[in-house]
Amino acid sequence: MALSPEIEAQILRYYHAERWRIGTIATELHVHRDSVARVLAQAGLPALGPVRRPSAIDPYLPFILETLTQFPRLRASRVYDMVKGRGYPGRPDHFRHLIA
């Protein structure tokens, strides 16, 4: 089924101006998600990637990288204690996962 130019314009506006996801646009306009993806692909506009949310560890990454560069055999638990003393709010198991 061909989409009308008005629907295609709405799809492009919702995707690029409103930053709606493909599934949300499809639900709102009562069209299949593949139709929305096809309109976006035919438009040739760059697709928006996922928005990366800031992590709690981001402010401490320069310190962690510098410390591990200087002391590569340092255990993650010791680095966690150092970062925790500087205000890192996370838990040790998540910290080890991020460091690995």
C-alpha atoms as a PDB file:
ATOM      1  CA  MET A   1       0.000   0.000   0.000  1.00  0.00           C
ATOM      2  CA  ALA A   2       1.426   3.355  -1.001  1.00  0.00           C
ATOM      3  CA  LEU A   3       1.507   6.069   1.610  1.00  0.00           C
ATOM      4  CA  SER A   4       0.226   9.520   0.843  1.00  0.00           C
ATOM      5  CA  PRO A   5       2.726  12.378   0.669  1.00  0.00           C
ATOM      6  CA  GLU A   6       1.111  13.874   3.788  1.00  0.00           C
ATOM      7  CA  ILE A   7       1.778  10.706   5.795  1.00  0.00           C
ATOM      8  CA  GLU A   8       5.350  10.567   4.511  1.00  0.00           C
ATOM      9  CA  ALA A   9       5.872  14.197   5.553  1.00  0.00           C
ATOM     10  CA  GLN A  10       4.484  13.431   9.011  1.00  0.00           C
ATOM     11  CA  ILE A  11       6.799  10.436   9.334  1.00  0.00           C
ATOM     12  CA  LEU A  12       9.829  12.563   8.477  1.00  0.00           C
ATOM     13  CA  ARG A  13       8.779  15.330  10.848  1.00  0.00           C
ATOM     14  CA  TYR A  14       8.077  12.963  13.744  1.00  0.00           C
ATOM     15  CA  TYR A  15      11.378  11.166  13.231  1.00  0.00           C
ATOM     16  CA  HIS A  16      13.731  14.100  12.714  1.00  0.00           C
ATOM     17  CA  ALA A  17      12.084  17.031  14.480  1.00  0.00           C
ATOM     18  CA  GLU A  18      10.291  15.266  17.320  1.00  0.00           C
ATOM     19  CA  ARG A  19      12.863  12.429  17.573  1.00  0.00           C
ATOM     20  CA  TRP A  20      10.187   9.750  17.888  1.00  0.00           C
ATOM     21  CA  ARG A  21      11.093   6.102  17.464  1.00  0.00           C
ATOM     22  CA  ILE A  22       9.925   4.107  14.467  1.00  0.00           C
ATOM     23  CA  GLY A  23       7.472   2.039  16.503  1.00  0.00           C
ATOM     24  CA  THR A  24       5.920   5.138  18.061  1.00  0.00           C
ATOM     25  CA  ILE A  25       5.440   6.754  14.659  1.00  0.00           C
ATOM     26  CA  ALA A  26       3.880   3.578  13.261  1.00  0.00           C
ATOM     27  CA  THR A  27       1.436   3.349  16.162  1.00  0.00           C
ATOM     28  CA  GLU A  28       0.484   7.016  15.977  1.00  0.00           C
ATOM     29  CA  LEU A  29      -0.113   7.019  12.214  1.00  0.00           C
ATOM     30  CA  HIS A  30      -1.647   3.508  12.077  1.00  0.00           C
ATOM     31  CA  VAL A  31       0.895   2.203   9.567  1.00  0.00           C
ATOM     32  CA  HIS A  32       3.278  -0.733   9.678  1.00  0.00           C
ATOM     33  CA  ARG A  33       6.741  -0.120  11.126  1.00  0.00           C
ATOM     34  CA  ASP A  34       8.329  -1.396   7.898  1.00  0.00           C
ATOM     35  CA  SER A  35       6.501   1.351   5.995  1.00  0.00           C
ATOM     36  CA  VAL A  36       7.948   3.940   8.358  1.00  0.00           C
ATOM     37  CA  ALA A  37      11.447   2.468   7.948  1.00  0.00           C
ATOM     38  CA  ARG A  38      11.038   2.473   4.153  1.00  0.00           C
ATOM     39  CA  VAL A  39      10.035   6.153   4.081  1.00  0.00           C
ATOM     40  CA  LEU A  40      13.018   7.056   6.240  1.00  0.00           C
ATOM     41  CA  ALA A  41      15.392   5.043   4.060  1.00  0.00           C
ATOM     42  CA  GLN A  42      14.040   6.588   0.855  1.00  0.00           C
ATOM     43  CA  ALA A  43      14.461  10.083   2.273  1.00  0.00           C
ATOM     44  CA  GLY A  44      18.206   9.515   2.397  1.00  0.00           C
ATOM     45  CA  LEU A  45      18.517  11.475   5.603  1.00  0.00           C
ATOM     46  CA  PRO A  46      20.947  10.222   8.203  1.00  0.00           C
ATOM     47  CA  ALA A  47      19.266   8.059  10.776  1.00  0.00           C
ATOM     48  CA  LEU A  48      19.377   9.185  14.360  1.00  0.00           C
ATOM     49  CA  GLY A  49      21.372   6.842  16.518  1.00  0.00           C
ATOM     50  CA  PRO A  50      20.510   5.885  20.040  1.00  0.00           C
ATOM     51  CA  VAL A  51      20.945   8.611  22.600  1.00  0.00           C
ATOM     52  CA  ARG A  52      23.724   7.696  25.011  1.00  0.00           C
ATOM     53  CA  ARG A  53      22.854   8.532  28.569  1.00  0.00           C
ATOM     54  CA  PRO A  54      25.683   9.689  30.806  1.00  0.00           C
ATOM     55  CA  SER A  55      27.014   7.065  33.165  1.00  0.00           C
ATOM     56  CA  ALA A  56      27.873   7.601  36.815  1.00  0.00           C
ATOM     57  CA  ILE A  57      31.440   6.538  36.021  1.00  0.00           C
ATOM     58  CA  ASP A  58      31.979   9.139  33.267  1.00  0.00           C
ATOM     59  CA  PRO A  59      33.452  11.873  35.514  1.00  0.00           C
ATOM     60  CA  TYR A  60      35.955   9.368  36.936  1.00  0.00           C
ATOM     61  CA  LEU A  61      37.156   7.819  33.666  1.00  0.00           C
ATOM     62  CA  PRO A  62      40.188  10.107  33.185  1.00  0.00           C
ATOM     63  CA  PHE A  63      41.395   9.277  36.708  1.00  0.00           C
ATOM     64  CA  ILE A  64      40.764   5.546  36.215  1.00  0.00           C
ATOM     65  CA  LEU A  65      42.573   5.444  32.864  1.00  0.00           C
ATOM     66  CA  GLU A  66      45.521   7.421  34.229  1.00  0.00           C
ATOM     67  CA  THR A  67      45.763   5.168  37.288  1.00  0.00           C
ATOM     68  CA  LEU A  68      45.577   1.957  35.264  1.00  0.00           C
ATOM     69  CA  THR A  69      48.120   3.278  32.767  1.00  0.00           C
ATOM     70  CA  GLN A  70      50.504   4.056  35.568  1.00  0.00           C
ATOM     71  CA  PHE A  71      49.762   0.848  37.526  1.00  0.00           C
ATOM     72  CA  PRO A  72      48.441  -1.783  35.073  1.00  0.00           C
ATOM     73  CA  ARG A  73      48.464  -4.639  37.613  1.00  0.00           C
ATOM     74  CA  LEU A  74      46.311  -2.764  40.130  1.00  0.00           C
ATOM     75  CA  ARG A  75      43.195  -4.694  41.092  1.00  0.00           C
ATOM     76  CA  ALA A  76      39.746  -3.324  40.310  1.00  0.00           C
ATOM     77  CA  SER A  77      38.797  -3.482  43.977  1.00  0.00           C
ATOM     78  CA  ARG A  78      41.645  -1.107  44.858  1.00  0.00           C
ATOM     79  CA  VAL A  79      40.742   1.264  42.029  1.00  0.00           C
ATOM     80  CA  TYR A  80      37.125   1.121  43.256  1.00  0.00           C
ATOM     81  CA  ASP A  81      38.229   2.176  46.746  1.00  0.00           C
ATOM     82  CA  MET A  82      40.180   5.085  45.251  1.00  0.00           C
ATOM     83  CA  VAL A  83      37.263   6.218  43.095  1.00  0.00           C
ATOM     84  CA  LYS A  84      34.746   5.681  45.905  1.00  0.00           C
ATOM     85  CA  GLY A  85      36.831   8.031  48.056  1.00  0.00           C
ATOM     86  CA  ARG A  86      36.439  10.644  45.315  1.00  0.00           C
ATOM     87  CA  GLY A  87      32.642  10.390  45.391  1.00  0.00           C
ATOM     88  CA  TYR A  88      31.701   7.582  42.973  1.00  0.00           C
ATOM     89  CA  PRO A  89      28.146   6.494  43.945  1.00  0.00           C
ATOM     90  CA  GLY A  90      28.105   3.072  42.258  1.00  0.00           C
ATOM     91  CA  ARG A  91      28.390  -0.445  43.625  1.00  0.00           C
ATOM     92  CA  PRO A  92      31.606  -2.501  43.448  1.00  0.00           C
ATOM     93  CA  ASP A  93      30.186  -5.275  41.249  1.00  0.00           C
ATOM     94  CA  HIS A  94      29.015  -2.821  38.598  1.00  0.00           C
ATOM     95  CA  PHE A  95      32.327  -0.981  38.804  1.00  0.00           C
ATOM     96  CA  ARG A  96      34.263  -4.231  38.157  1.00  0.00           C
ATOM     97  CA  HIS A  97      32.002  -4.934  35.178  1.00  0.00           C
ATOM     98  CA  LEU A  98      32.737  -1.496  33.696  1.00  0.00           C
ATOM     99  CA  ILE A  99      36.479  -1.761  34.334  1.00  0.00           C
ATOM    100  CA  ALA A 100      36.727  -5.212  32.755  1.00  0.00           C
END
